[in-house]
N, C-alpha and C. Protein backbone atom coordinates (compact mmCIF):
# COMPACT_ATOMS: atom_id res chain seq x y z
N MET A 1 0.83 -1.11 -0.04
CA MET A 1 -0.17 -0.23 -0.05
C MET A 1 0.71 1.12 -0.08
N VAL A 2 0.65 2.34 -0.96
CA VAL A 2 1.53 3.47 -0.96
C VAL A 2 0.69 4.34 0.18
N THR A 3 1.95 5.07 0.65
CA THR A 3 1.68 5.93 1.73
C THR A 3 1.54 7.48 1.18
N PRO A 4 1.12 8.23 1.93
CA PRO A 4 1.15 9.58 1.62
C PRO A 4 2.42 10.01 1.35
N GLU A 5 3.32 9.64 2.50
CA GLU A 5 4.73 10.21 2.10
C GLU A 5 5.40 9.71 0.87
N GLU A 6 5.04 8.45 0.38
CA GLU A 6 5.74 7.80 -0.56
C GLU A 6 5.06 8.57 -1.92
N MET A 7 3.73 8.95 -1.85
CA MET A 7 3.15 9.46 -2.99
C MET A 7 4.12 10.75 -3.23
N VAL A 8 4.12 11.84 -2.27
CA VAL A 8 4.83 12.85 -2.33
C VAL A 8 6.32 13.03 -2.93
N GLU A 9 6.97 11.95 -2.35
CA GLU A 9 8.40 11.56 -2.79
C GLU A 9 8.45 10.92 -4.13
N ASN A 10 7.47 10.05 -4.42
CA ASN A 10 8.09 9.03 -5.50
C ASN A 10 6.92 9.70 -6.90
N GLN A 11 5.88 10.12 -6.50
CA GLN A 11 4.86 10.47 -7.72
C GLN A 11 5.14 12.10 -7.94
N LEU A 12 5.40 12.96 -6.95
CA LEU A 12 5.43 14.47 -7.10
C LEU A 12 6.75 14.95 -7.17
N LYS A 13 7.57 14.71 -6.15
CA LYS A 13 8.82 15.57 -6.15
C LYS A 13 9.74 14.67 -7.37
N ALA A 14 9.52 13.56 -7.55
CA ALA A 14 10.34 12.58 -8.65
C ALA A 14 10.00 13.08 -9.97
N ARG A 15 8.63 13.61 -10.13
CA ARG A 15 8.33 14.16 -11.36
C ARG A 15 8.15 15.56 -11.48
N ASN A 16 8.95 16.28 -10.65
CA ASN A 16 9.24 17.79 -10.85
C ASN A 16 8.19 18.51 -10.16
N ILE A 17 7.67 17.99 -9.26
CA ILE A 17 6.61 19.06 -8.67
C ILE A 17 7.53 19.55 -7.40
N HIS A 18 8.03 20.78 -7.29
CA HIS A 18 8.89 21.23 -6.52
C HIS A 18 8.34 22.41 -5.55
N ASP A 19 7.18 23.12 -5.81
CA ASP A 19 6.80 24.15 -5.09
C ASP A 19 6.53 23.28 -3.63
N PRO A 20 7.06 23.97 -2.43
CA PRO A 20 7.07 23.60 -1.29
C PRO A 20 5.49 23.52 -0.77
N LYS A 21 4.92 24.73 -1.07
CA LYS A 21 3.45 24.86 -0.85
C LYS A 21 2.37 23.80 -1.37
N VAL A 22 2.63 23.61 -2.52
CA VAL A 22 2.14 22.22 -3.12
C VAL A 22 2.26 21.09 -2.64
N LEU A 23 3.40 20.55 -2.30
CA LEU A 23 3.80 19.61 -1.64
C LEU A 23 3.10 19.23 -0.38
N GLN A 24 3.14 20.45 0.36
CA GLN A 24 2.68 20.49 1.62
C GLN A 24 1.00 20.07 1.89
N ALA A 25 0.49 20.98 0.49
CA ALA A 25 -1.20 20.94 0.60
C ALA A 25 -1.35 19.37 0.26
N MET A 26 -0.66 18.89 -0.56
CA MET A 26 -0.83 17.45 -1.17
C MET A 26 -0.66 16.44 0.27
N GLU A 27 0.12 16.83 1.19
CA GLU A 27 0.47 16.25 2.31
C GLU A 27 -0.90 16.29 3.31
N GLU A 28 -1.33 17.49 3.20
CA GLU A 28 -2.44 17.85 4.14
C GLU A 28 -3.87 17.32 3.77
N VAL A 29 -3.97 17.05 2.31
CA VAL A 29 -5.33 16.71 2.27
C VAL A 29 -5.62 15.06 2.20
N ASP A 30 -5.89 14.59 2.71
CA ASP A 30 -6.20 13.08 2.96
C ASP A 30 -6.88 12.50 1.70
N ARG A 31 -6.52 12.34 0.59
CA ARG A 31 -7.05 11.29 -0.73
C ARG A 31 -8.09 10.45 -0.23
N ALA A 32 -7.93 9.73 0.90
CA ALA A 32 -8.54 8.57 1.32
C ALA A 32 -10.06 8.93 1.67
N LEU A 33 -10.17 10.46 1.96
CA LEU A 33 -11.41 10.89 2.36
C LEU A 33 -12.54 10.93 1.25
N PHE A 34 -11.85 10.92 -0.08
CA PHE A 34 -12.54 11.30 -1.06
C PHE A 34 -12.91 9.90 -2.06
N VAL A 35 -12.45 8.85 -1.47
CA VAL A 35 -12.50 7.66 -2.49
C VAL A 35 -13.41 6.77 -1.58
N PRO A 36 -14.15 5.58 -2.33
CA PRO A 36 -15.19 4.91 -1.42
C PRO A 36 -14.12 4.38 -0.47
N GLU A 37 -14.94 3.69 0.31
CA GLU A 37 -14.06 2.79 1.52
C GLU A 37 -13.57 1.81 0.80
N ASP A 38 -13.96 0.91 0.09
CA ASP A 38 -13.26 -0.29 -0.46
C ASP A 38 -11.83 0.04 -1.31
N LEU A 39 -11.83 1.22 -1.50
CA LEU A 39 -10.67 1.51 -2.59
C LEU A 39 -9.77 2.65 -1.69
N GLN A 40 -9.83 2.52 -0.16
CA GLN A 40 -8.96 3.62 0.39
C GLN A 40 -7.51 3.04 0.68
N HIS A 41 -7.41 1.75 0.53
CA HIS A 41 -6.00 1.27 0.45
C HIS A 41 -5.08 1.61 -0.82
N LYS A 42 -5.98 1.95 -1.48
CA LYS A 42 -5.57 2.64 -2.90
C LYS A 42 -5.41 4.14 -3.11
N ALA A 43 -5.75 4.60 -1.99
CA ALA A 43 -6.00 6.21 -2.34
C ALA A 43 -4.67 7.00 -2.64
N TYR A 44 -3.42 6.45 -2.25
CA TYR A 44 -2.31 7.41 -2.76
C TYR A 44 -1.63 6.74 -3.91
N GLU A 45 -2.17 5.84 -4.58
CA GLU A 45 -1.67 5.28 -5.96
C GLU A 45 -1.79 6.43 -7.02
N ASP A 46 -0.92 6.46 -7.86
CA ASP A 46 -0.82 7.81 -8.71
C ASP A 46 -1.65 7.11 -10.01
N ARG A 47 -2.96 7.30 -9.62
CA ARG A 47 -3.89 6.82 -10.70
C ARG A 47 -5.25 7.33 -10.59
N PRO A 48 -6.34 7.69 -11.39
CA PRO A 48 -7.43 7.94 -11.20
C PRO A 48 -8.14 6.64 -10.54
N LEU A 49 -9.09 6.95 -9.76
CA LEU A 49 -9.85 6.06 -8.96
C LEU A 49 -11.43 5.86 -9.17
N PRO A 50 -12.00 5.02 -9.29
CA PRO A 50 -13.71 5.15 -9.66
C PRO A 50 -14.28 5.36 -8.46
N ILE A 51 -15.28 6.25 -8.50
CA ILE A 51 -15.85 6.86 -7.18
C ILE A 51 -17.34 6.72 -7.27
N GLY A 52 -17.97 5.93 -8.55
CA GLY A 52 -19.29 5.56 -8.76
C GLY A 52 -19.52 6.37 -9.80
N ARG A 53 -20.56 5.47 -10.74
CA ARG A 53 -21.41 5.99 -11.92
C ARG A 53 -20.55 6.70 -12.80
N ASP A 54 -19.56 5.63 -13.28
CA ASP A 54 -18.35 6.15 -14.32
C ASP A 54 -17.68 7.31 -13.99
N GLN A 55 -17.71 8.01 -12.71
CA GLN A 55 -16.88 9.19 -12.39
C GLN A 55 -15.51 8.65 -11.54
N THR A 56 -14.54 9.28 -11.80
CA THR A 56 -13.42 9.07 -10.97
C THR A 56 -12.94 10.25 -10.33
N ILE A 57 -12.03 9.95 -9.55
CA ILE A 57 -11.03 11.01 -8.98
C ILE A 57 -9.93 11.11 -9.34
N SER A 58 -9.27 12.53 -9.74
CA SER A 58 -8.14 12.28 -10.33
C SER A 58 -7.12 11.82 -9.82
N GLN A 59 -5.93 11.68 -10.80
CA GLN A 59 -4.61 11.42 -10.09
C GLN A 59 -3.92 12.21 -9.40
N PRO A 60 -3.34 12.08 -8.19
CA PRO A 60 -2.44 12.85 -7.46
C PRO A 60 -1.52 13.71 -8.49
N TYR A 61 -0.75 13.27 -9.30
CA TYR A 61 0.18 14.14 -9.94
C TYR A 61 -0.30 15.23 -10.76
N ILE A 62 -1.60 15.02 -11.18
CA ILE A 62 -2.13 16.11 -12.27
C ILE A 62 -2.75 17.13 -11.16
N VAL A 63 -3.38 16.63 -10.33
CA VAL A 63 -3.81 17.60 -9.23
C VAL A 63 -2.58 18.44 -8.90
N ALA A 64 -1.76 17.98 -8.56
CA ALA A 64 -0.50 18.60 -8.07
C ALA A 64 0.23 19.59 -8.98
N TYR A 65 0.30 18.99 -10.09
CA TYR A 65 0.85 19.51 -11.43
C TYR A 65 -0.15 21.00 -11.62
N MET A 66 -1.07 20.79 -11.73
CA MET A 66 -2.31 21.94 -12.03
C MET A 66 -2.21 23.10 -11.18
N ALA A 67 -2.20 22.47 -9.58
CA ALA A 67 -2.03 23.59 -8.49
C ALA A 67 -0.97 24.40 -8.63
N GLU A 68 0.20 23.72 -9.21
CA GLU A 68 1.65 24.42 -9.29
C GLU A 68 1.59 25.49 -10.30
N GLN A 69 0.89 24.87 -11.38
CA GLN A 69 0.84 26.02 -12.49
C GLN A 69 -0.22 27.23 -12.18
N LEU A 70 -1.01 27.14 -11.40
CA LEU A 70 -1.76 28.25 -11.19
C LEU A 70 -0.97 29.29 -10.03
N GLN A 71 -0.06 29.09 -9.46
CA GLN A 71 0.73 29.56 -8.51
C GLN A 71 -0.02 30.52 -7.75
N LEU A 72 -0.84 29.72 -6.83
CA LEU A 72 -1.66 30.84 -5.91
C LEU A 72 -1.02 31.21 -4.93
N LYS A 73 -1.51 32.27 -4.54
CA LYS A 73 -1.21 33.23 -2.94
C LYS A 73 -2.16 32.84 -1.98
N LYS A 74 -1.83 33.06 -0.84
CA LYS A 74 -2.97 32.72 0.16
C LYS A 74 -3.95 33.93 0.16
N THR A 75 -3.83 35.10 -0.44
CA THR A 75 -4.73 35.90 -0.47
C THR A 75 -5.79 35.71 -1.66
N ASP A 76 -5.47 34.67 -2.56
CA ASP A 76 -6.54 34.63 -3.77
C ASP A 76 -7.94 34.01 -3.62
N ARG A 77 -8.77 34.29 -4.47
CA ARG A 77 -10.07 33.89 -4.40
C ARG A 77 -10.14 32.92 -5.85
N VAL A 78 -10.51 31.69 -5.57
CA VAL A 78 -10.44 30.92 -6.98
C VAL A 78 -11.69 30.13 -7.25
N LEU A 79 -12.09 30.05 -8.26
CA LEU A 79 -13.29 29.35 -9.11
C LEU A 79 -12.96 28.31 -9.42
N GLU A 80 -13.63 27.01 -9.29
CA GLU A 80 -13.15 25.93 -9.96
C GLU A 80 -14.52 25.50 -10.31
N VAL A 81 -14.50 24.96 -11.71
CA VAL A 81 -15.60 24.61 -12.31
C VAL A 81 -15.65 22.98 -12.63
N GLY A 82 -16.34 22.44 -11.80
CA GLY A 82 -15.97 21.02 -11.89
C GLY A 82 -15.60 20.42 -10.61
N THR A 83 -16.35 20.23 -9.63
CA THR A 83 -15.94 20.05 -8.16
C THR A 83 -15.82 18.59 -8.05
N GLY A 84 -16.58 17.82 -8.88
CA GLY A 84 -16.28 16.40 -8.57
C GLY A 84 -16.32 15.58 -7.42
N CYS A 85 -15.62 14.86 -6.72
CA CYS A 85 -15.88 14.74 -5.40
C CYS A 85 -15.14 15.45 -4.20
N GLY A 86 -14.53 16.69 -4.86
CA GLY A 86 -14.04 17.65 -3.75
C GLY A 86 -12.43 17.73 -3.50
N TYR A 87 -12.10 16.67 -4.15
CA TYR A 87 -10.51 16.54 -3.76
C TYR A 87 -9.69 17.68 -4.13
N ASN A 88 -9.74 18.04 -5.65
CA ASN A 88 -9.08 19.13 -5.89
C ASN A 88 -9.33 20.49 -5.30
N ALA A 89 -10.75 20.56 -5.10
CA ALA A 89 -11.13 21.78 -4.39
C ALA A 89 -10.29 22.12 -3.08
N ALA A 90 -10.32 20.63 -2.29
CA ALA A 90 -9.42 20.30 -0.77
C ALA A 90 -8.20 21.02 -1.05
N VAL A 91 -7.65 20.63 -2.23
CA VAL A 91 -6.15 20.95 -2.29
C VAL A 91 -5.87 22.13 -2.70
N LEU A 92 -6.47 22.91 -3.30
CA LEU A 92 -6.57 24.26 -3.64
C LEU A 92 -6.74 25.18 -2.21
N SER A 93 -7.83 24.82 -1.74
CA SER A 93 -8.06 25.59 -0.63
C SER A 93 -6.98 25.64 0.61
N ARG A 94 -6.03 24.84 0.51
CA ARG A 94 -4.76 25.01 1.13
C ARG A 94 -3.89 25.98 0.66
N LEU A 95 -4.19 26.42 -0.50
CA LEU A 95 -3.08 27.41 -1.14
C LEU A 95 -3.73 28.78 -1.30
N ALA A 96 -5.00 28.88 -1.08
CA ALA A 96 -5.84 30.06 -1.61
C ALA A 96 -6.58 30.51 -0.18
N ARG A 97 -7.08 32.04 -0.33
CA ARG A 97 -7.98 32.33 0.78
C ARG A 97 -9.37 31.52 0.73
N HIS A 98 -10.00 31.50 -0.44
CA HIS A 98 -11.35 30.82 -0.61
C HIS A 98 -11.46 30.05 -1.92
N VAL A 99 -11.76 28.99 -1.96
CA VAL A 99 -12.24 28.49 -3.19
C VAL A 99 -13.63 28.58 -3.28
N PHE A 100 -14.46 28.69 -4.59
CA PHE A 100 -15.73 28.49 -4.79
C PHE A 100 -15.80 27.82 -6.17
N SER A 101 -16.55 26.57 -5.68
CA SER A 101 -16.47 25.38 -6.76
C SER A 101 -17.97 25.16 -7.03
N ILE A 102 -18.28 24.87 -8.64
CA ILE A 102 -19.53 24.60 -9.28
C ILE A 102 -19.34 23.10 -9.67
N GLU A 103 -20.44 22.22 -9.60
CA GLU A 103 -20.52 20.96 -10.27
C GLU A 103 -22.05 20.74 -10.65
N ILE A 104 -21.77 20.20 -11.75
CA ILE A 104 -23.05 20.25 -12.73
C ILE A 104 -23.71 18.90 -12.62
N ILE A 105 -23.30 17.89 -12.03
CA ILE A 105 -23.87 16.69 -11.75
C ILE A 105 -24.26 16.88 -10.21
N ALA A 106 -25.55 16.62 -10.06
CA ALA A 106 -26.44 16.79 -8.89
C ALA A 106 -25.86 15.77 -7.67
N TRP A 107 -25.57 14.63 -8.04
CA TRP A 107 -25.10 13.43 -6.88
C TRP A 107 -23.63 13.86 -6.64
N LEU A 108 -22.96 14.23 -7.76
CA LEU A 108 -21.74 14.47 -7.12
C LEU A 108 -21.37 16.03 -6.40
N ALA A 109 -22.40 16.75 -6.75
CA ALA A 109 -22.31 18.18 -5.78
C ALA A 109 -22.68 17.55 -4.34
N ASP A 110 -23.63 16.87 -4.31
CA ASP A 110 -23.71 16.30 -2.68
C ASP A 110 -22.70 15.36 -2.28
N LEU A 111 -22.09 14.62 -3.05
CA LEU A 111 -21.05 13.98 -2.46
C LEU A 111 -19.79 14.90 -2.24
N ALA A 112 -19.56 15.86 -2.95
CA ALA A 112 -18.62 16.74 -2.65
C ALA A 112 -18.55 17.36 -1.23
N VAL A 113 -19.95 17.99 -0.93
CA VAL A 113 -20.22 18.48 0.29
C VAL A 113 -19.84 17.38 1.56
N GLU A 114 -20.41 16.14 1.56
CA GLU A 114 -20.03 15.31 2.28
C GLU A 114 -18.71 15.06 2.66
N ASN A 115 -17.87 15.08 1.53
CA ASN A 115 -16.52 14.80 1.61
C ASN A 115 -15.86 15.82 2.31
N LEU A 116 -16.08 17.09 1.82
CA LEU A 116 -15.67 18.32 2.23
C LEU A 116 -15.62 18.61 3.67
N GLN A 117 -16.82 18.00 4.26
CA GLN A 117 -17.08 18.38 5.66
C GLN A 117 -16.29 17.40 6.52
N LYS A 118 -15.84 16.18 5.97
CA LYS A 118 -14.98 15.41 6.85
C LYS A 118 -13.43 16.00 7.11
N THR A 119 -13.12 16.85 5.95
CA THR A 119 -11.94 17.69 5.95
C THR A 119 -11.77 18.66 7.12
N GLY A 120 -12.87 19.55 7.38
CA GLY A 120 -13.08 20.58 8.29
C GLY A 120 -12.55 21.68 7.64
N PHE A 121 -12.28 21.65 6.44
CA PHE A 121 -11.92 23.12 5.86
C PHE A 121 -12.92 23.79 5.72
N GLU A 122 -12.65 25.20 6.24
CA GLU A 122 -14.07 26.19 5.98
C GLU A 122 -13.94 27.24 4.87
N ASN A 123 -12.80 27.20 4.03
CA ASN A 123 -12.69 28.26 3.20
C ASN A 123 -12.96 27.58 1.95
N ILE A 124 -14.00 26.66 1.72
CA ILE A 124 -14.48 26.15 0.60
C ILE A 124 -15.99 26.24 0.25
N THR A 125 -16.53 26.83 -0.69
CA THR A 125 -17.92 26.89 -0.76
C THR A 125 -18.33 26.53 -2.33
N THR A 126 -19.39 25.37 -2.05
CA THR A 126 -19.74 24.68 -3.34
C THR A 126 -21.15 25.19 -3.74
N ARG A 127 -21.57 24.86 -5.02
CA ARG A 127 -22.95 24.97 -5.11
C ARG A 127 -23.19 23.90 -6.40
N TYR A 128 -24.40 23.55 -6.83
CA TYR A 128 -24.76 22.77 -7.76
C TYR A 128 -25.14 23.71 -9.06
N GLY A 129 -24.63 23.35 -10.37
CA GLY A 129 -25.02 24.22 -11.24
C GLY A 129 -24.31 23.96 -12.50
N ASP A 130 -24.22 24.95 -13.79
CA ASP A 130 -23.49 24.88 -14.72
C ASP A 130 -22.58 25.90 -14.79
N GLY A 131 -21.30 25.22 -14.71
CA GLY A 131 -20.04 26.31 -14.44
C GLY A 131 -19.94 27.09 -15.59
N TYR A 132 -20.47 26.84 -16.60
CA TYR A 132 -20.43 27.71 -18.11
C TYR A 132 -20.27 29.32 -17.74
N SER A 133 -21.32 29.68 -16.99
CA SER A 133 -21.62 31.04 -16.86
C SER A 133 -20.83 31.67 -15.40
N GLY A 134 -19.92 30.72 -14.85
CA GLY A 134 -19.12 31.16 -13.60
C GLY A 134 -20.02 31.28 -12.35
N TRP A 135 -19.49 32.28 -11.51
CA TRP A 135 -20.23 32.50 -10.38
C TRP A 135 -20.28 34.00 -10.20
N VAL A 136 -21.03 34.77 -10.77
CA VAL A 136 -21.34 35.90 -11.06
C VAL A 136 -21.22 36.86 -9.51
N GLU A 137 -21.90 36.45 -8.50
CA GLU A 137 -22.13 37.22 -7.34
C GLU A 137 -20.63 37.18 -6.54
N GLU A 138 -19.80 36.24 -6.96
CA GLU A 138 -18.54 36.19 -6.33
C GLU A 138 -17.38 36.79 -6.86
N ALA A 139 -17.60 37.16 -8.32
CA ALA A 139 -16.75 37.50 -9.27
C ALA A 139 -16.10 38.84 -8.59
N PRO A 140 -14.98 39.40 -9.12
CA PRO A 140 -13.96 38.80 -10.04
C PRO A 140 -13.03 37.87 -9.32
N PHE A 141 -12.53 36.95 -9.83
CA PHE A 141 -11.38 35.81 -9.31
C PHE A 141 -10.16 36.24 -9.76
N ASP A 142 -9.16 35.55 -8.77
CA ASP A 142 -7.65 35.60 -9.14
C ASP A 142 -7.31 34.67 -9.82
N ALA A 143 -7.96 33.58 -9.76
CA ALA A 143 -7.56 32.28 -10.71
C ALA A 143 -8.97 31.42 -10.97
N ILE A 144 -9.19 30.87 -11.88
CA ILE A 144 -10.18 30.06 -12.39
C ILE A 144 -9.48 28.63 -12.98
N ILE A 145 -10.24 27.48 -12.43
CA ILE A 145 -9.59 26.41 -13.11
C ILE A 145 -10.63 25.31 -13.44
N LEU A 146 -10.68 24.94 -14.49
CA LEU A 146 -11.55 23.92 -14.92
C LEU A 146 -11.14 22.38 -15.02
N THR A 147 -11.98 21.56 -14.58
CA THR A 147 -11.51 20.26 -14.38
C THR A 147 -12.42 19.20 -15.41
N ALA A 148 -12.95 19.98 -16.50
CA ALA A 148 -13.65 19.32 -17.62
C ALA A 148 -13.28 20.19 -18.81
N ALA A 149 -13.13 19.64 -19.98
CA ALA A 149 -12.81 20.21 -21.15
C ALA A 149 -13.67 20.88 -22.21
N PRO A 150 -13.71 22.16 -22.14
CA PRO A 150 -14.91 22.69 -23.22
C PRO A 150 -14.18 22.75 -24.40
N PRO A 151 -14.84 22.95 -25.59
CA PRO A 151 -14.36 23.18 -27.01
C PRO A 151 -13.29 24.45 -27.15
N THR A 152 -13.75 25.49 -26.22
CA THR A 152 -12.93 26.69 -26.11
C THR A 152 -13.13 27.18 -24.71
N ILE A 153 -12.39 27.98 -24.06
CA ILE A 153 -12.53 28.54 -22.77
C ILE A 153 -14.03 29.58 -22.84
N PRO A 154 -14.98 29.26 -21.96
CA PRO A 154 -16.18 30.10 -22.02
C PRO A 154 -15.88 31.67 -21.75
N LYS A 155 -16.28 32.57 -22.63
CA LYS A 155 -16.41 33.90 -22.38
C LYS A 155 -16.59 34.40 -21.13
N PRO A 156 -17.84 33.76 -20.47
CA PRO A 156 -18.14 34.37 -19.05
C PRO A 156 -17.18 34.03 -18.17
N LEU A 157 -16.52 33.05 -18.32
CA LEU A 157 -15.28 32.67 -17.17
C LEU A 157 -14.27 33.79 -17.45
N LYS A 158 -13.80 34.01 -18.52
CA LYS A 158 -12.60 34.93 -18.70
C LYS A 158 -13.29 36.21 -18.33
N ASP A 159 -14.32 36.79 -18.40
CA ASP A 159 -14.88 37.88 -17.96
C ASP A 159 -14.76 38.20 -16.62
N GLN A 160 -14.71 36.87 -16.00
CA GLN A 160 -15.08 36.87 -14.39
C GLN A 160 -13.70 36.79 -13.59
N LEU A 161 -12.38 37.01 -14.63
CA LEU A 161 -11.15 36.94 -14.03
C LEU A 161 -10.70 38.34 -13.92
N LYS A 162 -9.81 38.47 -12.90
CA LYS A 162 -9.17 39.93 -12.43
C LYS A 162 -7.92 39.85 -13.59
N ILE A 163 -7.66 41.34 -13.84
CA ILE A 163 -6.74 41.48 -14.80
C ILE A 163 -5.24 40.75 -13.97
N GLY A 164 -4.37 40.39 -14.54
CA GLY A 164 -3.27 39.64 -13.85
C GLY A 164 -3.65 38.53 -13.15
N GLY A 165 -4.74 37.85 -13.48
CA GLY A 165 -5.10 36.47 -12.99
C GLY A 165 -5.04 35.50 -14.17
N ARG A 166 -5.28 34.37 -13.61
CA ARG A 166 -4.95 33.21 -14.34
C ARG A 166 -6.12 32.15 -14.70
N ILE A 167 -6.09 31.70 -15.98
CA ILE A 167 -7.41 30.49 -16.03
C ILE A 167 -6.41 29.41 -16.50
N LEU A 168 -6.71 28.06 -16.02
CA LEU A 168 -6.34 26.76 -16.29
C LEU A 168 -7.05 25.91 -16.73
N ALA A 169 -6.91 25.41 -18.01
CA ALA A 169 -8.10 24.38 -18.32
C ALA A 169 -7.80 23.74 -19.57
N PRO A 170 -8.28 22.41 -19.34
CA PRO A 170 -8.08 21.49 -20.54
C PRO A 170 -9.10 21.88 -21.70
N VAL A 171 -8.50 21.98 -22.65
CA VAL A 171 -9.41 22.56 -23.91
C VAL A 171 -9.38 21.49 -25.25
N GLY A 172 -10.55 21.27 -25.61
CA GLY A 172 -10.51 20.33 -26.74
C GLY A 172 -11.46 19.32 -26.62
N ARG A 173 -11.80 18.58 -27.61
CA ARG A 173 -12.94 17.43 -27.63
C ARG A 173 -12.03 16.17 -27.81
N ILE A 174 -11.23 16.02 -28.85
CA ILE A 174 -10.50 14.90 -29.22
C ILE A 174 -9.22 15.10 -28.72
N ASN A 175 -8.55 15.98 -29.35
CA ASN A 175 -6.81 16.23 -28.90
C ASN A 175 -6.96 17.55 -27.97
N GLN A 176 -6.94 17.19 -26.65
CA GLN A 176 -7.05 18.30 -25.66
C GLN A 176 -5.82 18.64 -25.32
N GLN A 177 -5.59 20.00 -24.95
CA GLN A 177 -4.39 20.61 -24.36
C GLN A 177 -4.57 21.37 -23.29
N LEU A 178 -3.97 21.24 -22.40
CA LEU A 178 -3.96 22.10 -21.07
C LEU A 178 -3.28 23.44 -21.27
N LEU A 179 -4.12 24.34 -21.18
CA LEU A 179 -3.77 25.56 -21.39
C LEU A 179 -3.94 26.54 -20.30
N LEU A 180 -2.89 27.50 -20.07
CA LEU A 180 -2.78 28.60 -18.98
C LEU A 180 -2.96 30.08 -19.51
N LEU A 181 -3.88 30.52 -19.39
CA LEU A 181 -4.12 32.01 -19.85
C LEU A 181 -3.99 32.94 -18.90
N HIS A 182 -3.04 34.09 -19.14
CA HIS A 182 -2.56 35.17 -17.95
C HIS A 182 -3.57 36.30 -18.70
N LYS A 183 -4.40 36.93 -18.03
CA LYS A 183 -5.18 37.94 -18.12
C LYS A 183 -4.48 39.37 -18.16
N THR A 184 -3.89 39.98 -19.49
CA THR A 184 -3.22 41.09 -19.26
C THR A 184 -3.82 42.54 -19.56
N GLY A 185 -5.26 42.32 -20.10
CA GLY A 185 -5.97 43.49 -20.10
C GLY A 185 -7.50 43.06 -19.94
N PRO A 186 -8.39 44.01 -20.18
CA PRO A 186 -9.75 43.89 -20.29
C PRO A 186 -10.19 42.63 -21.09
N ASP A 187 -9.31 42.62 -22.33
CA ASP A 187 -9.91 41.52 -23.34
C ASP A 187 -8.71 41.07 -24.09
N SER A 188 -7.52 41.05 -23.08
CA SER A 188 -6.27 40.53 -23.72
C SER A 188 -5.72 39.46 -22.78
N TYR A 189 -5.02 38.33 -23.62
CA TYR A 189 -4.62 37.23 -22.81
C TYR A 189 -3.19 36.91 -23.55
N GLU A 190 -2.27 36.22 -22.67
CA GLU A 190 -1.25 35.67 -23.00
C GLU A 190 -1.29 33.90 -22.81
N GLU A 191 -1.23 33.26 -23.89
CA GLU A 191 -1.59 31.67 -23.83
C GLU A 191 -0.47 30.81 -23.69
N LYS A 192 -0.50 30.13 -22.59
CA LYS A 192 0.96 28.89 -22.78
C LYS A 192 0.22 27.60 -22.62
N ARG A 193 0.51 26.71 -23.80
CA ARG A 193 0.32 25.51 -23.99
C ARG A 193 1.35 24.54 -22.95
N LEU A 194 0.46 23.72 -22.09
CA LEU A 194 1.19 23.31 -21.29
C LEU A 194 1.54 21.64 -21.72
N LEU A 195 0.77 20.80 -21.73
CA LEU A 195 0.62 19.44 -22.13
C LEU A 195 -0.66 18.93 -22.30
N PRO A 196 -0.39 17.95 -23.41
CA PRO A 196 -1.51 16.98 -23.79
C PRO A 196 -2.27 16.31 -22.72
N VAL A 197 -3.79 16.43 -22.43
CA VAL A 197 -4.17 15.91 -21.49
C VAL A 197 -5.62 15.24 -22.06
N ARG A 198 -6.33 14.32 -20.96
CA ARG A 198 -7.53 13.85 -21.36
C ARG A 198 -8.59 13.87 -20.16
N PHE A 199 -9.33 14.80 -20.14
CA PHE A 199 -10.38 15.05 -19.42
C PHE A 199 -11.64 14.67 -19.95
N VAL A 200 -12.93 14.52 -18.82
CA VAL A 200 -14.25 14.37 -19.30
C VAL A 200 -14.61 15.68 -20.00
N PRO A 201 -15.46 15.63 -21.18
CA PRO A 201 -16.02 16.85 -21.87
C PRO A 201 -16.91 17.67 -20.78
N MET A 202 -16.61 18.97 -20.83
CA MET A 202 -17.44 19.98 -20.06
C MET A 202 -18.78 19.87 -20.68
N THR A 203 -20.02 19.49 -19.95
CA THR A 203 -21.32 19.44 -20.18
C THR A 203 -22.06 20.89 -20.11
N GLY A 204 -23.55 20.50 -20.25
CA GLY A 204 -24.21 21.68 -20.15
C GLY A 204 -24.19 22.66 -21.16
N LYS A 205 -24.11 24.05 -21.01
CA LYS A 205 -24.17 24.91 -21.97
C LYS A 205 -22.89 24.94 -23.10
N ALA A 206 -21.86 24.56 -22.35
CA ALA A 206 -20.55 24.04 -23.10
C ALA A 206 -20.57 23.15 -24.12
N ASP A 207 -21.74 22.13 -23.99
CA ASP A 207 -22.00 21.11 -24.87
C ASP A 207 -23.12 21.22 -25.72
N LYS A 208 -23.69 22.30 -25.75
CA LYS A 208 -25.05 22.77 -26.52
C LYS A 208 -24.82 23.99 -27.35
N GLY A 209 -23.56 24.01 -27.92
CA GLY A 209 -23.43 24.96 -29.04
C GLY A 209 -23.29 26.61 -28.37
N GLY A 210 -23.30 26.54 -27.14
CA GLY A 210 -22.76 27.99 -26.41
C GLY A 210 -21.89 28.81 -27.21
N LYS A 211 -22.16 29.99 -27.21
CA LYS A 211 -20.99 30.85 -27.85
C LYS A 211 -19.99 31.13 -27.00
N TYR A 212 -18.85 30.97 -27.63
CA TYR A 212 -17.50 31.03 -26.80
C TYR A 212 -16.50 32.34 -27.10
N GLY A 213 -15.51 32.59 -26.33
CA GLY A 213 -14.63 33.63 -26.65
C GLY A 213 -13.41 33.20 -26.47
N ARG A 214 -12.08 33.52 -27.11
CA ARG A 214 -10.88 32.88 -27.29
C ARG A 214 -10.05 34.20 -26.82
């Protein structure tokens, strides 16, 4: 059985995750709280694990990699689109002031609430809904992260990002790329392509021909 310490040493540090704040966050968040009881002995293996109804919890490496790329500060307010089981939100909450997370699948939204309550972390707010339109009442955000892949990044999300902020998202339907956008002006961005990835498609309005901006 892989231990949390082995996960950090062998799966993260050995694969060039170096930010000490991210490594500490990965140690602080007990992944076993977010997987089914019969899989808790596999909680720290570096692979996705099933959590029911064809849904999975992300592998630790990709969670750490995305968190490191966001370069969060303790004063940051973060929007996450795609709460899933809550694991990624929990990790981000150790790096930021507050995490706001939206989940479009009702039972997953409920599961995330249950899981996050186990952590005792109080700087995470979740809700059930379509993340395409963001969270207008809490905008603007210092950083936005998507854990499902739209064809292109929805314009409402870009509009809710502060100038100087970052959006990290898997983009594409067949050949996905993990993109990092830095907002340099009201409608200007610097784009960095990080690596090919494979995430579930973003559903809801993103999957129904909604209008996007790049």
